[in-house]
Amino acid sequence: MTFRRRAVRLGAGLSMLAAAALLCACAERDLPSGEPSFYRSLAAKDAQVDATMAASMISGYRTNNGLTPVTVDPELMKLAEAQAQAMASRDTLSHDVARSFHDRLKGGGYRAHTAAENVGAGYHTLAQAFSGWRDSPPHRDNMLLKGATRMGIAAAYAPKSKYKVFWALILAEPEEGRG
């Protein structure tokens, strides 16, 4: 099984001006009804990522780069949710906040030929998280993981954290014989 994992803290590698612009873009605002869900702020209690929209965004990006689309996998959704919640509860951005990525997949019973995980913090919307990952070479590589056909994504709100929202995205190519 092949695993890739990488994390970059919000603002790392950005110029001060770009980081300030990104932070300003995170300001909460009320959206008119009918606004796409990828602009909805997840910096609120009980807010949840629109996984179907995330799969559509990531699939479009992947197909534009000659790769297969991904579909939402309920098992990967649970694993991503557990990771996002673990980071939020500890106010720590890390792949290994509870257990290693490999151990979490194995412990969750998920058999993957290959898998990758992106984590993030400080992005209040799906659009911001997607853009941040797309613009970071290691995260972009994970979103463009060859062979990936499944994904899970979650965001967890941490009201006392400077980041407010923690993210986990898992992409995988299940082992043969998995639905």
C-alpha atoms as a PDB file:
ATOM      1  CA  MET A   1       0.000   0.000   0.000  1.00  0.00           C
ATOM      2  CA  THR A   2       1.310   3.458  -0.866  1.00  0.00           C
ATOM      3  CA  PHE A   3       0.608   6.415   1.415  1.00  0.00           C
ATOM      4  CA  ARG A   4       1.275  10.096   0.981  1.00  0.00           C
ATOM      5  CA  ARG A   5       0.624  12.687   3.614  1.00  0.00           C
ATOM      6  CA  ARG A   6       1.577  16.308   3.956  1.00  0.00           C
ATOM      7  CA  ALA A   7       0.487  19.329   5.917  1.00  0.00           C
ATOM      8  CA  VAL A   8       1.306  22.979   5.605  1.00  0.00           C
ATOM      9  CA  ARG A   9       0.154  25.459   8.215  1.00  0.00           C
ATOM     10  CA  LEU A  10      -2.010  28.307   7.039  1.00  0.00           C
ATOM     11  CA  GLY A  11       0.168  31.032   5.578  1.00  0.00           C
ATOM     12  CA  ALA A  12       3.343  28.912   5.373  1.00  0.00           C
ATOM     13  CA  GLY A  13       5.176  29.664   2.171  1.00  0.00           C
ATOM     14  CA  LEU A  14       2.960  32.651   1.393  1.00  0.00           C
ATOM     15  CA  SER A  15       4.164  36.199   1.253  1.00  0.00           C
ATOM     16  CA  MET A  16       2.948  38.387   4.102  1.00  0.00           C
ATOM     17  CA  LEU A  17       0.634  40.214   1.687  1.00  0.00           C
ATOM     18  CA  ALA A  18      -0.836  36.958   0.332  1.00  0.00           C
ATOM     19  CA  ALA A  19      -1.281  35.586   3.853  1.00  0.00           C
ATOM     20  CA  ALA A  20      -3.052  38.782   4.928  1.00  0.00           C
ATOM     21  CA  ALA A  21      -5.323  38.625   1.890  1.00  0.00           C
ATOM     22  CA  LEU A  22      -6.127  34.983   2.656  1.00  0.00           C
ATOM     23  CA  LEU A  23      -6.943  35.802   6.263  1.00  0.00           C
ATOM     24  CA  CYS A  24      -9.167  38.666   5.164  1.00  0.00           C
ATOM     25  CA  ALA A  25     -10.966  36.303   2.808  1.00  0.00           C
ATOM     26  CA  CYS A  26     -11.781  34.121   5.823  1.00  0.00           C
ATOM     27  CA  ALA A  27     -14.028  36.729   7.409  1.00  0.00           C
ATOM     28  CA  GLU A  28     -17.458  35.316   8.160  1.00  0.00           C
ATOM     29  CA  ARG A  29     -20.373  36.752   6.256  1.00  0.00           C
ATOM     30  CA  ASP A  30     -23.973  35.888   5.695  1.00  0.00           C
ATOM     31  CA  LEU A  31     -24.648  34.537   2.258  1.00  0.00           C
ATOM     32  CA  PRO A  32     -27.865  35.048   0.379  1.00  0.00           C
ATOM     33  CA  SER A  33     -29.929  31.913  -0.046  1.00  0.00           C
ATOM     34  CA  GLY A  34     -29.102  30.149  -3.271  1.00  0.00           C
ATOM     35  CA  GLU A  35     -25.377  30.862  -2.874  1.00  0.00           C
ATOM     36  CA  PRO A  36     -23.267  27.795  -3.688  1.00  0.00           C
ATOM     37  CA  SER A  37     -22.465  25.635  -0.657  1.00  0.00           C
ATOM     38  CA  PHE A  38     -18.727  25.918  -1.294  1.00  0.00           C
ATOM     39  CA  TYR A  39     -18.969  29.546  -0.094  1.00  0.00           C
ATOM     40  CA  ARG A  40     -20.826  28.671   3.132  1.00  0.00           C
ATOM     41  CA  SER A  41     -18.791  29.390   6.266  1.00  0.00           C
ATOM     42  CA  LEU A  42     -18.125  26.283   8.320  1.00  0.00           C
ATOM     43  CA  ALA A  43     -16.980  28.375  11.282  1.00  0.00           C
ATOM     44  CA  ALA A  44     -20.238  27.624  13.076  1.00  0.00           C
ATOM     45  CA  LYS A  45     -21.544  24.935  15.380  1.00  0.00           C
ATOM     46  CA  ASP A  46     -22.971  21.916  13.522  1.00  0.00           C
ATOM     47  CA  ALA A  47     -21.824  23.212  10.105  1.00  0.00           C
ATOM     48  CA  GLN A  48     -20.914  20.384   7.733  1.00  0.00           C
ATOM     49  CA  VAL A  49     -19.058  20.167   4.461  1.00  0.00           C
ATOM     50  CA  ASP A  50     -21.169  19.503   1.391  1.00  0.00           C
ATOM     51  CA  ALA A  51     -19.340  16.283   0.457  1.00  0.00           C
ATOM     52  CA  THR A  52     -21.143  15.982  -2.886  1.00  0.00           C
ATOM     53  CA  MET A  53     -19.981  19.481  -3.839  1.00  0.00           C
ATOM     54  CA  ALA A  54     -16.439  18.667  -2.668  1.00  0.00           C
ATOM     55  CA  ALA A  55     -16.407  15.497  -4.780  1.00  0.00           C
ATOM     56  CA  SER A  56     -17.634  17.494  -7.760  1.00  0.00           C
ATOM     57  CA  MET A  57     -14.939  20.165  -7.322  1.00  0.00           C
ATOM     58  CA  ILE A  58     -12.156  17.630  -6.824  1.00  0.00           C
ATOM     59  CA  SER A  59     -13.415  15.410  -9.660  1.00  0.00           C
ATOM     60  CA  GLY A  60     -13.509  18.380 -12.033  1.00  0.00           C
ATOM     61  CA  TYR A  61      -9.953  19.275 -11.070  1.00  0.00           C
ATOM     62  CA  ARG A  62      -8.838  15.671 -11.515  1.00  0.00           C
ATOM     63  CA  THR A  63     -10.543  15.189 -14.892  1.00  0.00           C
ATOM     64  CA  ASN A  64      -9.081  18.490 -16.130  1.00  0.00           C
ATOM     65  CA  ASN A  65      -5.715  16.894 -15.340  1.00  0.00           C
ATOM     66  CA  GLY A  66      -6.469  13.624 -17.157  1.00  0.00           C
ATOM     67  CA  LEU A  67      -7.382  11.585 -14.072  1.00  0.00           C
ATOM     68  CA  THR A  68     -10.439   9.660 -12.926  1.00  0.00           C
ATOM     69  CA  PRO A  69     -13.160  11.401 -10.924  1.00  0.00           C
ATOM     70  CA  VAL A  70     -13.762  10.477  -7.282  1.00  0.00           C
ATOM     71  CA  THR A  71     -16.939   9.560  -5.449  1.00  0.00           C
ATOM     72  CA  VAL A  72     -17.803  10.002  -1.796  1.00  0.00           C
ATOM     73  CA  ASP A  73     -16.993   6.910   0.257  1.00  0.00           C
ATOM     74  CA  PRO A  74     -18.902   6.561   3.560  1.00  0.00           C
ATOM     75  CA  GLU A  75     -15.951   4.839   5.252  1.00  0.00           C
ATOM     76  CA  LEU A  76     -13.521   7.576   4.207  1.00  0.00           C
ATOM     77  CA  MET A  77     -16.055  10.179   5.359  1.00  0.00           C
ATOM     78  CA  LYS A  78     -16.002   8.636   8.860  1.00  0.00           C
ATOM     79  CA  LEU A  79     -12.196   8.531   8.901  1.00  0.00           C
ATOM     80  CA  ALA A  80     -11.938  12.163   7.721  1.00  0.00           C
ATOM     81  CA  GLU A  81     -14.498  13.241  10.334  1.00  0.00           C
ATOM     82  CA  ALA A  82     -12.561  11.522  13.117  1.00  0.00           C
ATOM     83  CA  GLN A  83      -9.328  13.209  12.004  1.00  0.00           C
ATOM     84  CA  ALA A  84     -10.880  16.681  11.717  1.00  0.00           C
ATOM     85  CA  GLN A  85     -12.515  16.294  15.141  1.00  0.00           C
ATOM     86  CA  ALA A  86      -9.262  15.053  16.713  1.00  0.00           C
ATOM     87  CA  MET A  87      -7.355  18.086  15.394  1.00  0.00           C
ATOM     88  CA  ALA A  88     -10.106  20.499  16.480  1.00  0.00           C
ATOM     89  CA  SER A  89     -10.362  19.023  19.988  1.00  0.00           C
ATOM     90  CA  ARG A  90      -6.594  19.352  20.461  1.00  0.00           C
ATOM     91  CA  ASP A  91      -6.245  22.628  18.501  1.00  0.00           C
ATOM     92  CA  THR A  92      -3.418  20.972  16.558  1.00  0.00           C
ATOM     93  CA  LEU A  93      -2.868  20.687  12.823  1.00  0.00           C
ATOM     94  CA  SER A  94      -1.215  17.302  12.328  1.00  0.00           C
ATOM     95  CA  HIS A  95      -1.643  14.026  10.454  1.00  0.00           C
ATOM     96  CA  ASP A  96      -0.571  12.214  13.614  1.00  0.00           C
ATOM     97  CA  VAL A  97      -2.664  14.006  16.247  1.00  0.00           C
ATOM     98  CA  ALA A  98      -4.380  10.762  17.299  1.00  0.00           C
ATOM     99  CA  ARG A  99      -2.637   8.064  15.256  1.00  0.00           C
ATOM    100  CA  SER A 100      -0.688   7.944  12.018  1.00  0.00           C
ATOM    101  CA  PHE A 101      -2.617   8.060   8.745  1.00  0.00           C
ATOM    102  CA  HIS A 102      -1.642   4.444   8.014  1.00  0.00           C
ATOM    103  CA  ASP A 103      -2.803   3.291  11.466  1.00  0.00           C
ATOM    104  CA  ARG A 104      -6.086   5.175  11.142  1.00  0.00           C
ATOM    105  CA  LEU A 105      -6.856   3.561   7.769  1.00  0.00           C
ATOM    106  CA  LYS A 106      -5.885   0.127   9.038  1.00  0.00           C
ATOM    107  CA  GLY A 107      -7.765   0.584  12.324  1.00  0.00           C
ATOM    108  CA  GLY A 108     -10.842   1.702  10.396  1.00  0.00           C
ATOM    109  CA  GLY A 109     -10.663  -1.449   8.297  1.00  0.00           C
ATOM    110  CA  TYR A 110     -10.125   0.484   5.065  1.00  0.00           C
ATOM    111  CA  ARG A 111      -8.072  -1.530   2.572  1.00  0.00           C
ATOM    112  CA  ALA A 112      -6.514   0.776  -0.001  1.00  0.00           C
ATOM    113  CA  HIS A 113      -4.076   0.152  -2.793  1.00  0.00           C
ATOM    114  CA  THR A 114      -2.959   3.764  -2.415  1.00  0.00           C
ATOM    115  CA  ALA A 115      -4.174   6.648  -0.273  1.00  0.00           C
ATOM    116  CA  ALA A 116      -3.332  10.263   0.525  1.00  0.00           C
ATOM    117  CA  GLU A 117      -4.494  12.752   3.112  1.00  0.00           C
ATOM    118  CA  ASN A 118      -4.606  16.528   3.169  1.00  0.00           C
ATOM    119  CA  VAL A 119      -5.208  18.365   6.412  1.00  0.00           C
ATOM    120  CA  GLY A 120      -5.665  22.065   6.885  1.00  0.00           C
ATOM    121  CA  ALA A 121      -6.793  24.712   9.325  1.00  0.00           C
ATOM    122  CA  GLY A 122      -8.034  28.266   9.079  1.00  0.00           C
ATOM    123  CA  TYR A 123     -10.039  27.919   5.887  1.00  0.00           C
ATOM    124  CA  HIS A 124     -13.645  28.787   6.665  1.00  0.00           C
ATOM    125  CA  THR A 125     -15.178  27.593   3.378  1.00  0.00           C
ATOM    126  CA  LEU A 126     -14.810  24.628   1.064  1.00  0.00           C
ATOM    127  CA  ALA A 127     -13.736  27.016  -1.692  1.00  0.00           C
ATOM    128  CA  GLN A 128     -10.883  28.340   0.473  1.00  0.00           C
ATOM    129  CA  ALA A 129      -9.728  24.864   1.511  1.00  0.00           C
ATOM    130  CA  PHE A 130      -9.806  23.617  -2.092  1.00  0.00           C
ATOM    131  CA  SER A 131      -7.895  26.669  -3.319  1.00  0.00           C
ATOM    132  CA  GLY A 132      -5.318  26.367  -0.543  1.00  0.00           C
ATOM    133  CA  TRP A 133      -4.698  22.696  -1.327  1.00  0.00           C
ATOM    134  CA  ARG A 134      -4.643  23.325  -5.084  1.00  0.00           C
ATOM    135  CA  ASP A 135      -2.053  26.078  -4.665  1.00  0.00           C
ATOM    136  CA  SER A 136       0.247  23.976  -2.440  1.00  0.00           C
ATOM    137  CA  PRO A 137       2.356  21.529  -4.496  1.00  0.00           C
ATOM    138  CA  PRO A 138       2.292  18.627  -1.976  1.00  0.00           C
ATOM    139  CA  HIS A 139      -1.462  19.009  -1.397  1.00  0.00           C
ATOM    140  CA  ARG A 140      -2.106  19.353  -5.134  1.00  0.00           C
ATOM    141  CA  ASP A 141      -0.153  16.112  -5.687  1.00  0.00           C
ATOM    142  CA  ASN A 142      -2.441  14.381  -3.185  1.00  0.00           C
ATOM    143  CA  MET A 143      -5.601  15.678  -4.896  1.00  0.00           C
ATOM    144  CA  LEU A 144      -4.143  14.384  -8.163  1.00  0.00           C
ATOM    145  CA  LEU A 145      -3.300  10.952  -6.723  1.00  0.00           C
ATOM    146  CA  LYS A 146      -3.209   8.520  -9.640  1.00  0.00           C
ATOM    147  CA  GLY A 147      -5.744   5.740  -9.330  1.00  0.00           C
ATOM    148  CA  ALA A 148      -7.846   7.435  -6.650  1.00  0.00           C
ATOM    149  CA  THR A 149     -11.557   6.807  -7.130  1.00  0.00           C
ATOM    150  CA  ARG A 150     -12.916   7.486  -3.628  1.00  0.00           C
ATOM    151  CA  MET A 151     -12.779  10.341  -1.160  1.00  0.00           C
ATOM    152  CA  GLY A 152     -13.906  11.478   2.250  1.00  0.00           C
ATOM    153  CA  ILE A 153     -13.840  15.024   3.577  1.00  0.00           C
ATOM    154  CA  ALA A 154     -14.727  16.717   6.848  1.00  0.00           C
ATOM    155  CA  ALA A 155     -14.394  20.016   8.652  1.00  0.00           C
ATOM    156  CA  ALA A 156     -14.599  20.492  12.407  1.00  0.00           C
ATOM    157  CA  TYR A 157     -15.353  23.757  14.168  1.00  0.00           C
ATOM    158  CA  ALA A 158     -13.147  24.786  17.103  1.00  0.00           C
ATOM    159  CA  PRO A 159     -14.566  28.080  18.445  1.00  0.00           C
ATOM    160  CA  LYS A 160     -11.660  28.749  20.830  1.00  0.00           C
ATOM    161  CA  SER A 161      -8.959  28.088  18.244  1.00  0.00           C
ATOM    162  CA  LYS A 162      -7.327  30.834  16.215  1.00  0.00           C
ATOM    163  CA  TYR A 163      -8.032  28.631  13.161  1.00  0.00           C
ATOM    164  CA  LYS A 164     -11.747  28.076  13.918  1.00  0.00           C
ATOM    165  CA  VAL A 165     -12.026  25.249  11.333  1.00  0.00           C
ATOM    166  CA  PHE A 166      -9.914  22.103  10.869  1.00  0.00           C
ATOM    167  CA  TRP A 167     -10.066  20.047   7.662  1.00  0.00           C
ATOM    168  CA  ALA A 168      -9.290  16.491   6.611  1.00  0.00           C
ATOM    169  CA  LEU A 169      -9.486  15.137   3.059  1.00  0.00           C
ATOM    170  CA  ILE A 170      -8.694  11.519   2.215  1.00  0.00           C
ATOM    171  CA  LEU A 171      -8.388  10.201  -1.332  1.00  0.00           C
ATOM    172  CA  ALA A 172      -7.925   6.508  -2.012  1.00  0.00           C
ATOM    173  CA  GLU A 173      -7.842   3.746  -4.523  1.00  0.00           C
ATOM    174  CA  PRO A 174      -9.528   0.822  -2.778  1.00  0.00           C
ATOM    175  CA  GLU A 175      -7.945  -2.604  -3.018  1.00  0.00           C
ATOM    176  CA  GLU A 176      -9.410  -4.952  -5.628  1.00  0.00           C
ATOM    177  CA  GLY A 177     -12.683  -6.496  -4.586  1.00  0.00           C
ATOM    178  CA  ARG A 178     -13.922  -3.451  -2.639  1.00  0.00           C
ATOM    179  CA  GLY A 179     -17.149  -1.962  -3.978  1.00  0.00           C
END
